[in-house]
Amino acid sequence: MTSELPQTLAMAFLESQEITTTDCRRCGTEVSGVNGRYACGVCGWVNNWTEGHNELPSGDSDI
């Protein structure tokens, strides 16, 4: 079922996000994240923000 409504900015943003999965580098638990950015809920490991699959928006783009 497709919507005939015009796409909003929020809808465009969400469509550009990709759910990705990897193994935690510390404990091996499978973790999922958005665009290659991960945080493990088991041991607390977080990958560096620069390892993501795309550039983060600048602070100036926050409204």
PDB file of N, CA and C in Angstrom:
ATOM      1  N   MET A   1       0.841  -1.169   0.000  1.00  0.00           N
ATOM      2  CA  MET A   1       0.000   0.000   0.000  1.00  0.00           C
ATOM      3  C   MET A   1       0.889   1.235   0.000  1.00  0.00           C
ATOM      4  N   THR A   2       0.725   2.094  -0.962  1.00  0.00           N
ATOM      5  CA  THR A   2       1.527   3.313  -1.052  1.00  0.00           C
ATOM      6  C   THR A   2       0.684   4.516  -0.676  1.00  0.00           C
ATOM      7  N   SER A   3       1.323   5.451  -0.053  1.00  0.00           N
ATOM      8  CA  SER A   3       0.645   6.660   0.388  1.00  0.00           C
ATOM      9  C   SER A   3       0.708   7.715  -0.705  1.00  0.00           C
ATOM     10  N   GLU A   4      -0.351   8.445  -0.841  1.00  0.00           N
ATOM     11  CA  GLU A   4      -0.407   9.541  -1.801  1.00  0.00           C
ATOM     12  C   GLU A   4      -0.058  10.872  -1.152  1.00  0.00           C
ATOM     13  N   LEU A   5       0.288  10.837   0.144  1.00  0.00           N
ATOM     14  CA  LEU A   5       0.610  12.066   0.869  1.00  0.00           C
ATOM     15  C   LEU A   5       2.000  12.555   0.475  1.00  0.00           C
ATOM     16  N   PRO A   6       2.210  13.875   0.447  1.00  0.00           N
ATOM     17  CA  PRO A   6       3.549  14.393   0.154  1.00  0.00           C
ATOM     18  C   PRO A   6       4.526  14.015   1.276  1.00  0.00           C
ATOM     19  N   GLN A   7       5.771  13.793   0.910  1.00  0.00           N
ATOM     20  CA  GLN A   7       6.785  13.389   1.879  1.00  0.00           C
ATOM     21  C   GLN A   7       7.199  14.583   2.738  1.00  0.00           C
ATOM     22  N   THR A   8       7.230  14.379   4.050  1.00  0.00           N
ATOM     23  CA  THR A   8       7.658  15.428   4.973  1.00  0.00           C
ATOM     24  C   THR A   8       9.167  15.327   5.177  1.00  0.00           C
ATOM     25  N   LEU A   9       9.764  16.333   5.827  1.00  0.00           N
ATOM     26  CA  LEU A   9      11.189  16.290   6.133  1.00  0.00           C
ATOM     27  C   LEU A   9      11.521  15.110   7.035  1.00  0.00           C
ATOM     28  N   ALA A  10      10.655  14.818   7.994  1.00  0.00           N
ATOM     29  CA  ALA A  10      10.894  13.682   8.894  1.00  0.00           C
ATOM     30  C   ALA A  10      10.875  12.373   8.121  1.00  0.00           C
ATOM     31  N   MET A  11       9.949  12.226   7.194  1.00  0.00           N
ATOM     32  CA  MET A  11       9.870  10.998   6.392  1.00  0.00           C
ATOM     33  C   MET A  11      11.117  10.847   5.530  1.00  0.00           C
ATOM     34  N   ALA A  12      11.591  11.936   4.947  1.00  0.00           N
ATOM     35  CA  ALA A  12      12.800  11.887   4.117  1.00  0.00           C
ATOM     36  C   ALA A  12      14.003  11.500   4.967  1.00  0.00           C
ATOM     37  N   PHE A  13      14.096  12.044   6.171  1.00  0.00           N
ATOM     38  CA  PHE A  13      15.199  11.711   7.071  1.00  0.00           C
ATOM     39  C   PHE A  13      15.184  10.229   7.411  1.00  0.00           C
ATOM     40  N   LEU A  14      14.031   9.701   7.808  1.00  0.00           N
ATOM     41  CA  LEU A  14      13.934   8.297   8.199  1.00  0.00           C
ATOM     42  C   LEU A  14      14.252   7.358   7.042  1.00  0.00           C
ATOM     43  N   GLU A  15      13.871   7.714   5.829  1.00  0.00           N
ATOM     44  CA  GLU A  15      14.178   6.868   4.684  1.00  0.00           C
ATOM     45  C   GLU A  15      15.672   6.812   4.391  1.00  0.00           C
ATOM     46  N   SER A  16      16.429   7.804   4.852  1.00  0.00           N
ATOM     47  CA  SER A  16      17.869   7.825   4.597  1.00  0.00           C
ATOM     48  C   SER A  16      18.656   7.038   5.648  1.00  0.00           C
ATOM     49  N   GLN A  17      17.967   6.507   6.669  1.00  0.00           N
ATOM     50  CA  GLN A  17      18.631   5.765   7.737  1.00  0.00           C
ATOM     51  C   GLN A  17      18.662   4.275   7.402  1.00  0.00           C
ATOM     52  N   GLU A  18      19.760   3.608   7.735  1.00  0.00           N
ATOM     53  CA  GLU A  18      19.895   2.181   7.483  1.00  0.00           C
ATOM     54  C   GLU A  18      20.211   1.462   8.795  1.00  0.00           C
ATOM     55  N   ILE A  19      19.419   0.447   9.136  1.00  0.00           N
ATOM     56  CA  ILE A  19      19.694  -0.380  10.309  1.00  0.00           C
ATOM     57  C   ILE A  19      20.807  -1.349   9.933  1.00  0.00           C
ATOM     58  N   THR A  20      21.895  -1.353  10.695  1.00  0.00           N
ATOM     59  CA  THR A  20      23.038  -2.225  10.420  1.00  0.00           C
ATOM     60  C   THR A  20      23.315  -3.089  11.641  1.00  0.00           C
ATOM     61  N   THR A  21      23.972  -4.228  11.430  1.00  0.00           N
ATOM     62  CA  THR A  21      24.248  -5.178  12.503  1.00  0.00           C
ATOM     63  C   THR A  21      25.702  -5.630  12.441  1.00  0.00           C
ATOM     64  N   THR A  22      26.305  -5.822  13.616  1.00  0.00           N
ATOM     65  CA  THR A  22      27.677  -6.319  13.711  1.00  0.00           C
ATOM     66  C   THR A  22      27.832  -7.040  15.042  1.00  0.00           C
ATOM     67  N   ASP A  23      28.995  -7.613  15.272  1.00  0.00           N
ATOM     68  CA  ASP A  23      29.304  -8.216  16.571  1.00  0.00           C
ATOM     69  C   ASP A  23      30.062  -7.201  17.409  1.00  0.00           C
ATOM     70  N   CYS A  24      29.723  -7.139  18.698  1.00  0.00           N
ATOM     71  CA  CYS A  24      30.421  -6.262  19.631  1.00  0.00           C
ATOM     72  C   CYS A  24      31.895  -6.654  19.654  1.00  0.00           C
ATOM     73  N   ARG A  25      32.759  -5.681  19.566  1.00  0.00           N
ATOM     74  CA  ARG A  25      34.205  -5.934  19.566  1.00  0.00           C
ATOM     75  C   ARG A  25      34.731  -6.334  20.938  1.00  0.00           C
ATOM     76  N   ARG A  26      33.970  -6.083  21.997  1.00  0.00           N
ATOM     77  CA  ARG A  26      34.428  -6.418  23.333  1.00  0.00           C
ATOM     78  C   ARG A  26      33.901  -7.778  23.794  1.00  0.00           C
ATOM     79  N   CYS A  27      32.588  -8.041  23.640  1.00  0.00           N
ATOM     80  CA  CYS A  27      32.024  -9.269  24.199  1.00  0.00           C
ATOM     81  C   CYS A  27      31.434 -10.217  23.158  1.00  0.00           C
ATOM     82  N   GLY A  28      31.335  -9.780  21.897  1.00  0.00           N
ATOM     83  CA  GLY A  28      30.852 -10.655  20.843  1.00  0.00           C
ATOM     84  C   GLY A  28      29.347 -10.688  20.651  1.00  0.00           C
ATOM     85  N   THR A  29      28.603  -9.990  21.482  1.00  0.00           N
ATOM     86  CA  THR A  29      27.151  -9.938  21.339  1.00  0.00           C
ATOM     87  C   THR A  29      26.783  -9.281  20.015  1.00  0.00           C
ATOM     88  N   GLU A  30      25.760  -9.794  19.331  1.00  0.00           N
ATOM     89  CA  GLU A  30      25.301  -9.150  18.107  1.00  0.00           C
ATOM     90  C   GLU A  30      24.584  -7.855  18.474  1.00  0.00           C
ATOM     91  N   VAL A  31      25.002  -6.743  17.877  1.00  0.00           N
ATOM     92  CA  VAL A  31      24.396  -5.443  18.145  1.00  0.00           C
ATOM     93  C   VAL A  31      23.928  -4.830  16.838  1.00  0.00           C
ATOM     94  N   SER A  32      22.856  -4.076  16.911  1.00  0.00           N
ATOM     95  CA  SER A  32      22.341  -3.354  15.750  1.00  0.00           C
ATOM     96  C   SER A  32      22.467  -1.868  16.019  1.00  0.00           C
ATOM     97  N   GLY A  33      22.612  -1.119  14.954  1.00  0.00           N
ATOM     98  CA  GLY A  33      22.730   0.323  15.077  1.00  0.00           C
ATOM     99  C   GLY A  33      22.191   0.998  13.840  1.00  0.00           C
ATOM    100  N   VAL A  34      22.391   2.278  13.758  1.00  0.00           N
ATOM    101  CA  VAL A  34      21.929   3.054  12.619  1.00  0.00           C
ATOM    102  C   VAL A  34      23.146   3.575  11.870  1.00  0.00           C
ATOM    103  N   ASN A  35      23.217   3.253  10.575  1.00  0.00           N
ATOM    104  CA  ASN A  35      24.291   3.732   9.701  1.00  0.00           C
ATOM    105  C   ASN A  35      25.685   3.423  10.237  1.00  0.00           C
ATOM    106  N   GLY A  36      25.870   2.237  10.821  1.00  0.00           N
ATOM    107  CA  GLY A  36      27.198   1.810  11.254  1.00  0.00           C
ATOM    108  C   GLY A  36      27.664   2.366  12.580  1.00  0.00           C
ATOM    109  N   ARG A  37      26.752   2.921  13.353  1.00  0.00           N
ATOM    110  CA  ARG A  37      27.095   3.408  14.694  1.00  0.00           C
ATOM    111  C   ARG A  37      26.426   2.494  15.706  1.00  0.00           C
ATOM    112  N   TYR A  38      27.232   1.949  16.629  1.00  0.00           N
ATOM    113  CA  TYR A  38      26.749   0.904  17.520  1.00  0.00           C
ATOM    114  C   TYR A  38      27.033   1.205  18.974  1.00  0.00           C
ATOM    115  N   ALA A  39      26.189   0.642  19.852  1.00  0.00           N
ATOM    116  CA  ALA A  39      26.408   0.650  21.295  1.00  0.00           C
ATOM    117  C   ALA A  39      25.909  -0.683  21.822  1.00  0.00           C
ATOM    118  N   CYS A  40      26.732  -1.371  22.592  1.00  0.00           N
ATOM    119  CA  CYS A  40      26.376  -2.682  23.136  1.00  0.00           C
ATOM    120  C   CYS A  40      25.701  -2.499  24.486  1.00  0.00           C
ATOM    121  N   GLY A  41      24.496  -3.035  24.608  1.00  0.00           N
ATOM    122  CA  GLY A  41      23.762  -2.958  25.860  1.00  0.00           C
ATOM    123  C   GLY A  41      24.234  -3.957  26.903  1.00  0.00           C
ATOM    124  N   VAL A  42      25.073  -4.921  26.500  1.00  0.00           N
ATOM    125  CA  VAL A  42      25.553  -5.937  27.433  1.00  0.00           C
ATOM    126  C   VAL A  42      26.790  -5.447  28.187  1.00  0.00           C
ATOM    127  N   CYS A  43      27.801  -4.970  27.440  1.00  0.00           N
ATOM    128  CA  CYS A  43      29.066  -4.596  28.091  1.00  0.00           C
ATOM    129  C   CYS A  43      29.377  -3.099  28.036  1.00  0.00           C
ATOM    130  N   GLY A  44      28.591  -2.330  27.274  1.00  0.00           N
ATOM    131  CA  GLY A  44      28.794  -0.885  27.227  1.00  0.00           C
ATOM    132  C   GLY A  44      29.724  -0.390  26.131  1.00  0.00           C
ATOM    133  N   TRP A  45      30.252  -1.300  25.292  1.00  0.00           N
ATOM    134  CA  TRP A  45      31.128  -0.880  24.203  1.00  0.00           C
ATOM    135  C   TRP A  45      30.371   0.011  23.225  1.00  0.00           C
ATOM    136  N   VAL A  46      31.032   1.049  22.738  1.00  0.00           N
ATOM    137  CA  VAL A  46      30.479   1.946  21.727  1.00  0.00           C
ATOM    138  C   VAL A  46      31.558   2.173  20.687  1.00  0.00           C
ATOM    139  N   ASN A  47      31.203   2.053  19.388  1.00  0.00           N
ATOM    140  CA  ASN A  47      32.222   2.335  18.386  1.00  0.00           C
ATOM    141  C   ASN A  47      32.361   3.841  18.187  1.00  0.00           C
ATOM    142  N   ASN A  48      33.485   4.257  17.661  1.00  0.00           N
ATOM    143  CA  ASN A  48      33.765   5.672  17.438  1.00  0.00           C
ATOM    144  C   ASN A  48      32.810   6.241  16.403  1.00  0.00           C
ATOM    145  N   TRP A  49      32.346   7.446  16.603  1.00  0.00           N
ATOM    146  CA  TRP A  49      31.390   8.065  15.691  1.00  0.00           C
ATOM    147  C   TRP A  49      31.930   8.177  14.267  1.00  0.00           C
ATOM    148  N   THR A  50      33.255   8.234  14.103  1.00  0.00           N
ATOM    149  CA  THR A  50      33.837   8.372  12.764  1.00  0.00           C
ATOM    150  C   THR A  50      33.732   7.085  11.955  1.00  0.00           C
ATOM    151  N   GLU A  51      33.391   5.976  12.595  1.00  0.00           N
ATOM    152  CA  GLU A  51      33.266   4.698  11.894  1.00  0.00           C
ATOM    153  C   GLU A  51      31.907   4.518  11.222  1.00  0.00           C
ATOM    154  N   GLY A  52      31.013   5.473  11.358  1.00  0.00           N
ATOM    155  CA  GLY A  52      29.694   5.371  10.742  1.00  0.00           C
ATOM    156  C   GLY A  52      29.779   5.394   9.225  1.00  0.00           C
ATOM    157  N   HIS A  53      28.688   5.035   8.586  1.00  0.00           N
ATOM    158  CA  HIS A  53      28.649   4.923   7.130  1.00  0.00           C
ATOM    159  C   HIS A  53      28.374   6.238   6.416  1.00  0.00           C
ATOM    160  N   ASN A  54      28.050   7.280   7.141  1.00  0.00           N
ATOM    161  CA  ASN A  54      27.814   8.582   6.521  1.00  0.00           C
ATOM    162  C   ASN A  54      28.248   9.683   7.483  1.00  0.00           C
ATOM    163  N   GLU A  55      28.297  10.900   6.989  1.00  0.00           N
ATOM    164  CA  GLU A  55      28.682  12.028   7.839  1.00  0.00           C
ATOM    165  C   GLU A  55      27.512  12.429   8.722  1.00  0.00           C
ATOM    166  N   LEU A  56      27.818  12.826   9.947  1.00  0.00           N
ATOM    167  CA  LEU A  56      26.782  13.328  10.837  1.00  0.00           C
ATOM    168  C   LEU A  56      26.475  14.770  10.469  1.00  0.00           C
ATOM    169  N   PRO A  57      25.236  15.213  10.706  1.00  0.00           N
ATOM    170  CA  PRO A  57      24.908  16.606  10.423  1.00  0.00           C
ATOM    171  C   PRO A  57      25.652  17.533  11.368  1.00  0.00           C
ATOM    172  N   SER A  58      25.881  18.744  10.930  1.00  0.00           N
ATOM    173  CA  SER A  58      26.561  19.726  11.781  1.00  0.00           C
ATOM    174  C   SER A  58      25.606  20.231  12.854  1.00  0.00           C
ATOM    175  N   GLY A  59      26.153  20.797  13.900  1.00  0.00           N
ATOM    176  CA  GLY A  59      25.335  21.369  14.959  1.00  0.00           C
ATOM    177  C   GLY A  59      24.508  22.537  14.455  1.00  0.00           C
ATOM    178  N   ASP A  60      24.974  23.200  13.407  1.00  0.00           N
ATOM    179  CA  ASP A  60      24.248  24.338  12.855  1.00  0.00           C
ATOM    180  C   ASP A  60      22.938  23.914  12.208  1.00  0.00           C
ATOM    181  N   SER A  61      22.848  22.627  11.808  1.00  0.00           N
ATOM    182  CA  SER A  61      21.619  22.174  11.145  1.00  0.00           C
ATOM    183  C   SER A  61      20.513  21.829  12.142  1.00  0.00           C
ATOM    184  N   ASP A  62      20.849  21.812  13.450  1.00  0.00           N
ATOM    185  CA  ASP A  62      19.824  21.565  14.459  1.00  0.00           C
ATOM    186  C   ASP A  62      18.892  22.770  14.557  1.00  0.00           C
ATOM    187  N   ILE A  63      17.628  22.490  14.680  1.00  0.00           N
ATOM    188  CA  ILE A  63      16.663  23.580  14.766  1.00  0.00           C
ATOM    189  C   ILE A  63      16.205  23.738  16.188  1.00  0.00           C
TER     190      ILE A  63
END
